[in-house]
Amino acid sequence: MFSDVGQLTIDWRARNVYWTDAGFRWIAMKQLPDNIAAHNSMDTYMKVVLDSQIDIPTGIVVHPHE
């Protein structure tokens, strides 16, 4: 299996970045740090938010107010 990141979006209210990965067949999320200048690039933590009943995710939209 291979990684194939397709689209990403940012929820600026919750400070999360979401992206689709057609290779792994999931939608994942990573929280943005409070201070982006002090971000640790070695931090690989992310959360898979959807990985079932999804074939090839190629697009994503986030509604920050919902």
PDB file of N, CA and C in Angstrom:
ATOM      1  N   MET A   1       0.839  -1.178   0.000  1.00  0.00           N
ATOM      2  CA  MET A   1       0.000   0.000   0.000  1.00  0.00           C
ATOM      3  C   MET A   1       0.885   1.242   0.000  1.00  0.00           C
ATOM      4  N   PHE A   2       0.404   2.306  -0.576  1.00  0.00           N
ATOM      5  CA  PHE A   2       1.196   3.519  -0.695  1.00  0.00           C
ATOM      6  C   PHE A   2       0.375   4.726  -0.248  1.00  0.00           C
ATOM      7  N   SER A   3       1.062   5.769   0.141  1.00  0.00           N
ATOM      8  CA  SER A   3       0.394   7.005   0.521  1.00  0.00           C
ATOM      9  C   SER A   3       0.122   7.837  -0.718  1.00  0.00           C
ATOM     10  N   ASP A   4      -1.070   8.394  -0.802  1.00  0.00           N
ATOM     11  CA  ASP A   4      -1.452   9.208  -1.949  1.00  0.00           C
ATOM     12  C   ASP A   4      -2.340  10.350  -1.451  1.00  0.00           C
ATOM     13  N   VAL A   5      -1.719  11.328  -0.800  1.00  0.00           N
ATOM     14  CA  VAL A   5      -2.469  12.455  -0.254  1.00  0.00           C
ATOM     15  C   VAL A   5      -3.083  13.225  -1.405  1.00  0.00           C
ATOM     16  N   GLY A   6      -4.402  13.436  -1.313  1.00  0.00           N
ATOM     17  CA  GLY A   6      -5.114  14.098  -2.394  1.00  0.00           C
ATOM     18  C   GLY A   6      -5.424  15.550  -2.085  1.00  0.00           C
ATOM     19  N   GLN A   7      -6.257  15.790  -1.106  1.00  0.00           N
ATOM     20  CA  GLN A   7      -6.705  17.133  -0.767  1.00  0.00           C
ATOM     21  C   GLN A   7      -6.518  17.383   0.724  1.00  0.00           C
ATOM     22  N   LEU A   8      -6.453  18.648   1.092  1.00  0.00           N
ATOM     23  CA  LEU A   8      -6.426  18.984   2.509  1.00  0.00           C
ATOM     24  C   LEU A   8      -7.230  20.237   2.746  1.00  0.00           C
ATOM     25  N   THR A   9      -7.648  20.402   3.988  1.00  0.00           N
ATOM     26  CA  THR A   9      -8.404  21.587   4.384  1.00  0.00           C
ATOM     27  C   THR A   9      -8.056  21.918   5.829  1.00  0.00           C
ATOM     28  N   ILE A  10      -8.275  23.160   6.197  1.00  0.00           N
ATOM     29  CA  ILE A  10      -7.957  23.614   7.555  1.00  0.00           C
ATOM     30  C   ILE A  10      -9.225  24.119   8.224  1.00  0.00           C
ATOM     31  N   ASP A  11      -9.459  23.630   9.428  1.00  0.00           N
ATOM     32  CA  ASP A  11     -10.516  24.156  10.279  1.00  0.00           C
ATOM     33  C   ASP A  11      -9.842  25.177  11.185  1.00  0.00           C
ATOM     34  N   TRP A  12      -9.956  26.445  10.832  1.00  0.00           N
ATOM     35  CA  TRP A  12      -9.228  27.489  11.558  1.00  0.00           C
ATOM     36  C   TRP A  12      -9.792  27.748  12.945  1.00  0.00           C
ATOM     37  N   ARG A  13     -11.038  27.371  13.197  1.00  0.00           N
ATOM     38  CA  ARG A  13     -11.612  27.579  14.531  1.00  0.00           C
ATOM     39  C   ARG A  13     -11.088  26.540  15.518  1.00  0.00           C
ATOM     40  N   ALA A  14     -11.076  25.283  15.116  1.00  0.00           N
ATOM     41  CA  ALA A  14     -10.584  24.212  15.988  1.00  0.00           C
ATOM     42  C   ALA A  14      -9.079  24.002  15.843  1.00  0.00           C
ATOM     43  N   ARG A  15      -8.448  24.670  14.863  1.00  0.00           N
ATOM     44  CA  ARG A  15      -7.016  24.579  14.600  1.00  0.00           C
ATOM     45  C   ARG A  15      -6.586  23.153  14.234  1.00  0.00           C
ATOM     46  N   ASN A  16      -7.336  22.554  13.305  1.00  0.00           N
ATOM     47  CA  ASN A  16      -7.030  21.210  12.821  1.00  0.00           C
ATOM     48  C   ASN A  16      -6.825  21.235  11.311  1.00  0.00           C
ATOM     49  N   VAL A  17      -5.927  20.385  10.846  1.00  0.00           N
ATOM     50  CA  VAL A  17      -5.715  20.163   9.418  1.00  0.00           C
ATOM     51  C   VAL A  17      -6.227  18.760   9.107  1.00  0.00           C
ATOM     52  N   TYR A  18      -7.054  18.647   8.069  1.00  0.00           N
ATOM     53  CA  TYR A  18      -7.592  17.360   7.626  1.00  0.00           C
ATOM     54  C   TYR A  18      -7.097  17.087   6.209  1.00  0.00           C
ATOM     55  N   TRP A  19      -6.833  15.821   5.903  1.00  0.00           N
ATOM     56  CA  TRP A  19      -6.427  15.467   4.550  1.00  0.00           C
ATOM     57  C   TRP A  19      -6.944  14.087   4.179  1.00  0.00           C
ATOM     58  N   THR A  20      -7.067  13.877   2.871  1.00  0.00           N
ATOM     59  CA  THR A  20      -7.477  12.573   2.349  1.00  0.00           C
ATOM     60  C   THR A  20      -6.241  11.830   1.873  1.00  0.00           C
ATOM     61  N   ASP A  21      -6.286  10.514   1.995  1.00  0.00           N
ATOM     62  CA  ASP A  21      -5.201   9.670   1.509  1.00  0.00           C
ATOM     63  C   ASP A  21      -5.820   8.481   0.792  1.00  0.00           C
ATOM     64  N   ALA A  22      -5.811   8.523  -0.537  1.00  0.00           N
ATOM     65  CA  ALA A  22      -6.422   7.466  -1.337  1.00  0.00           C
ATOM     66  C   ALA A  22      -5.638   6.162  -1.259  1.00  0.00           C
ATOM     67  N   GLY A  23      -4.337   6.231  -1.020  1.00  0.00           N
ATOM     68  CA  GLY A  23      -3.525   5.019  -0.915  1.00  0.00           C
ATOM     69  C   GLY A  23      -3.866   4.205   0.321  1.00  0.00           C
ATOM     70  N   PHE A  24      -3.999   4.879   1.451  1.00  0.00           N
ATOM     71  CA  PHE A  24      -4.357   4.207   2.700  1.00  0.00           C
ATOM     72  C   PHE A  24      -5.868   4.142   2.904  1.00  0.00           C
ATOM     73  N   ARG A  25      -6.624   4.836   2.053  1.00  0.00           N
ATOM     74  CA  ARG A  25      -8.089   4.869   2.105  1.00  0.00           C
ATOM     75  C   ARG A  25      -8.594   5.393   3.443  1.00  0.00           C
ATOM     76  N   TRP A  26      -8.118   6.581   3.805  1.00  0.00           N
ATOM     77  CA  TRP A  26      -8.575   7.196   5.037  1.00  0.00           C
ATOM     78  C   TRP A  26      -8.606   8.706   4.931  1.00  0.00           C
ATOM     79  N   ILE A  27      -9.242   9.311   5.929  1.00  0.00           N
ATOM     80  CA  ILE A  27      -9.187  10.752   6.151  1.00  0.00           C
ATOM     81  C   ILE A  27      -8.545  10.929   7.510  1.00  0.00           C
ATOM     82  N   ALA A  28      -7.528  11.769   7.564  1.00  0.00           N
ATOM     83  CA  ALA A  28      -6.766  11.949   8.801  1.00  0.00           C
ATOM     84  C   ALA A  28      -6.781  13.407   9.242  1.00  0.00           C
ATOM     85  N   MET A  29      -6.359  13.631  10.484  1.00  0.00           N
ATOM     86  CA  MET A  29      -6.387  14.958  11.086  1.00  0.00           C
ATOM     87  C   MET A  29      -5.153  15.145  11.972  1.00  0.00           C
ATOM     88  N   LYS A  30      -4.668  16.385  11.998  1.00  0.00           N
ATOM     89  CA  LYS A  30      -3.579  16.757  12.897  1.00  0.00           C
ATOM     90  C   LYS A  30      -3.897  18.138  13.450  1.00  0.00           C
ATOM     91  N   GLN A  31      -3.730  18.286  14.765  1.00  0.00           N
ATOM     92  CA  GLN A  31      -3.981  19.577  15.393  1.00  0.00           C
ATOM     93  C   GLN A  31      -2.787  20.498  15.158  1.00  0.00           C
ATOM     94  N   LEU A  32      -3.084  21.758  14.827  1.00  0.00           N
ATOM     95  CA  LEU A  32      -2.021  22.736  14.652  1.00  0.00           C
ATOM     96  C   LEU A  32      -1.503  23.179  16.019  1.00  0.00           C
ATOM     97  N   PRO A  33      -0.206  23.414  16.141  1.00  0.00           N
ATOM     98  CA  PRO A  33       0.334  23.880  17.418  1.00  0.00           C
ATOM     99  C   PRO A  33      -0.091  25.325  17.698  1.00  0.00           C
ATOM    100  N   ASP A  34      -0.099  25.700  18.967  1.00  0.00           N
ATOM    101  CA  ASP A  34      -0.439  27.073  19.333  1.00  0.00           C
ATOM    102  C   ASP A  34       0.534  28.069  18.717  1.00  0.00           C
ATOM    103  N   ASN A  35       1.797  27.714  18.706  1.00  0.00           N
ATOM    104  CA  ASN A  35       2.835  28.575  18.142  1.00  0.00           C
ATOM    105  C   ASN A  35       3.440  27.852  16.946  1.00  0.00           C
ATOM    106  N   ILE A  36       3.004  28.196  15.766  1.00  0.00           N
ATOM    107  CA  ILE A  36       3.465  27.500  14.561  1.00  0.00           C
ATOM    108  C   ILE A  36       4.972  27.659  14.348  1.00  0.00           C
ATOM    109  N   ALA A  37       5.553  28.745  14.837  1.00  0.00           N
ATOM    110  CA  ALA A  37       6.997  28.964  14.698  1.00  0.00           C
ATOM    111  C   ALA A  37       7.799  27.987  15.548  1.00  0.00           C
ATOM    112  N   ALA A  38       7.196  27.477  16.612  1.00  0.00           N
ATOM    113  CA  ALA A  38       7.894  26.547  17.508  1.00  0.00           C
ATOM    114  C   ALA A  38       7.495  25.100  17.225  1.00  0.00           C
ATOM    115  N   HIS A  39       6.901  24.844  16.071  1.00  0.00           N
ATOM    116  CA  HIS A  39       6.435  23.497  15.717  1.00  0.00           C
ATOM    117  C   HIS A  39       7.599  22.526  15.640  1.00  0.00           C
ATOM    118  N   ASN A  40       7.410  21.341  16.196  1.00  0.00           N
ATOM    119  CA  ASN A  40       8.409  20.269  16.158  1.00  0.00           C
ATOM    120  C   ASN A  40       8.138  19.412  14.917  1.00  0.00           C
ATOM    121  N   SER A  41       8.966  19.516  13.912  1.00  0.00           N
ATOM    122  CA  SER A  41       8.755  18.774  12.664  1.00  0.00           C
ATOM    123  C   SER A  41       8.920  17.262  12.844  1.00  0.00           C
ATOM    124  N   MET A  42       9.460  16.831  13.967  1.00  0.00           N
ATOM    125  CA  MET A  42       9.603  15.400  14.237  1.00  0.00           C
ATOM    126  C   MET A  42       8.332  14.805  14.854  1.00  0.00           C
ATOM    127  N   ASP A  43       7.353  15.642  15.171  1.00  0.00           N
ATOM    128  CA  ASP A  43       6.091  15.181  15.745  1.00  0.00           C
ATOM    129  C   ASP A  43       5.256  14.561  14.634  1.00  0.00           C
ATOM    130  N   THR A  44       5.128  13.255  14.638  1.00  0.00           N
ATOM    131  CA  THR A  44       4.407  12.548  13.585  1.00  0.00           C
ATOM    132  C   THR A  44       3.004  12.136  14.011  1.00  0.00           C
ATOM    133  N   TYR A  45       2.548  12.595  15.176  1.00  0.00           N
ATOM    134  CA  TYR A  45       1.215  12.218  15.648  1.00  0.00           C
ATOM    135  C   TYR A  45       0.141  12.781  14.728  1.00  0.00           C
ATOM    136  N   MET A  46      -0.782  11.922  14.338  1.00  0.00           N
ATOM    137  CA  MET A  46      -1.972  12.315  13.596  1.00  0.00           C
ATOM    138  C   MET A  46      -3.045  11.305  13.943  1.00  0.00           C
ATOM    139  N   LYS A  47      -4.280  11.652  13.666  1.00  0.00           N
ATOM    140  CA  LYS A  47      -5.401  10.784  14.010  1.00  0.00           C
ATOM    141  C   LYS A  47      -6.189  10.460  12.750  1.00  0.00           C
ATOM    142  N   VAL A  48      -6.453   9.178  12.522  1.00  0.00           N
ATOM    143  CA  VAL A  48      -7.304   8.759  11.411  1.00  0.00           C
ATOM    144  C   VAL A  48      -8.746   8.944  11.879  1.00  0.00           C
ATOM    145  N   VAL A  49      -9.499   9.785  11.188  1.00  0.00           N
ATOM    146  CA  VAL A  49     -10.878  10.070  11.605  1.00  0.00           C
ATOM    147  C   VAL A  49     -11.911   9.261  10.826  1.00  0.00           C
ATOM    148  N   LEU A  50     -11.536   8.718   9.675  1.00  0.00           N
ATOM    149  CA  LEU A  50     -12.455   7.884   8.898  1.00  0.00           C
ATOM    150  C   LEU A  50     -11.639   6.904   8.071  1.00  0.00           C
ATOM    151  N   ASP A  51     -11.920   5.611   8.247  1.00  0.00           N
ATOM    152  CA  ASP A  51     -11.196   4.602   7.465  1.00  0.00           C
ATOM    153  C   ASP A  51     -12.081   3.406   7.099  1.00  0.00           C
ATOM    154  N   SER A  52     -13.373   3.536   7.307  1.00  0.00           N
ATOM    155  CA  SER A  52     -14.273   2.455   6.913  1.00  0.00           C
ATOM    156  C   SER A  52     -15.371   3.029   6.026  1.00  0.00           C
ATOM    157  N   GLN A  53     -15.904   2.173   5.184  1.00  0.00           N
ATOM    158  CA  GLN A  53     -16.943   2.544   4.222  1.00  0.00           C
ATOM    159  C   GLN A  53     -16.505   3.716   3.342  1.00  0.00           C
ATOM    160  N   ILE A  54     -15.240   3.691   2.963  1.00  0.00           N
ATOM    161  CA  ILE A  54     -14.679   4.731   2.103  1.00  0.00           C
ATOM    162  C   ILE A  54     -13.743   4.046   1.110  1.00  0.00           C
ATOM    163  N   ASP A  55     -13.961   4.266  -0.172  1.00  0.00           N
ATOM    164  CA  ASP A  55     -13.157   3.584  -1.191  1.00  0.00           C
ATOM    165  C   ASP A  55     -11.899   4.381  -1.540  1.00  0.00           C
ATOM    166  N   ILE A  56     -12.074   5.487  -2.219  1.00  0.00           N
ATOM    167  CA  ILE A  56     -10.922   6.293  -2.633  1.00  0.00           C
ATOM    168  C   ILE A  56     -11.238   7.756  -2.323  1.00  0.00           C
ATOM    169  N   PRO A  57     -10.885   8.221  -1.131  1.00  0.00           N
ATOM    170  CA  PRO A  57     -11.182   9.616  -0.789  1.00  0.00           C
ATOM    171  C   PRO A  57     -10.317  10.570  -1.605  1.00  0.00           C
ATOM    172  N   THR A  58     -10.960  11.495  -2.291  1.00  0.00           N
ATOM    173  CA  THR A  58     -10.206  12.414  -3.147  1.00  0.00           C
ATOM    174  C   THR A  58     -10.493  13.879  -2.865  1.00  0.00           C
ATOM    175  N   GLY A  59     -11.458  14.165  -1.998  1.00  0.00           N
ATOM    176  CA  GLY A  59     -11.772  15.550  -1.682  1.00  0.00           C
ATOM    177  C   GLY A  59     -12.295  15.667  -0.264  1.00  0.00           C
ATOM    178  N   ILE A  60     -12.191  16.868   0.298  1.00  0.00           N
ATOM    179  CA  ILE A  60     -12.641  17.073   1.672  1.00  0.00           C
ATOM    180  C   ILE A  60     -13.018  18.537   1.866  1.00  0.00           C
ATOM    181  N   VAL A  61     -14.069  18.742   2.654  1.00  0.00           N
ATOM    182  CA  VAL A  61     -14.516  20.079   3.019  1.00  0.00           C
ATOM    183  C   VAL A  61     -14.837  20.057   4.509  1.00  0.00           C
ATOM    184  N   VAL A  62     -14.458  21.103   5.220  1.00  0.00           N
ATOM    185  CA  VAL A  62     -14.773  21.221   6.637  1.00  0.00           C
ATOM    186  C   VAL A  62     -15.578  22.494   6.829  1.00  0.00           C
ATOM    187  N   HIS A  63     -16.653  22.412   7.578  1.00  0.00           N
ATOM    188  CA  HIS A  63     -17.472  23.581   7.899  1.00  0.00           C
ATOM    189  C   HIS A  63     -17.135  23.991   9.336  1.00  0.00           C
ATOM    190  N   PRO A  64     -16.304  25.016   9.534  1.00  0.00           N
ATOM    191  CA  PRO A  64     -15.810  25.375  10.872  1.00  0.00           C
ATOM    192  C   PRO A  64     -16.900  25.703  11.882  1.00  0.00           C
ATOM    193  N   HIS A  65     -18.046  26.196  11.440  1.00  0.00           N
ATOM    194  CA  HIS A  65     -19.095  26.557  12.386  1.00  0.00           C
ATOM    195  C   HIS A  65     -19.933  25.362  12.816  1.00  0.00           C
ATOM    196  N   GLU A  66     -19.790  24.247  12.153  1.00  0.00           N
ATOM    197  CA  GLU A  66     -20.528  23.033  12.491  1.00  0.00           C
ATOM    198  C   GLU A  66     -19.630  22.073  13.209  1.00  0.00           C
TER     199      GLU A  66
END
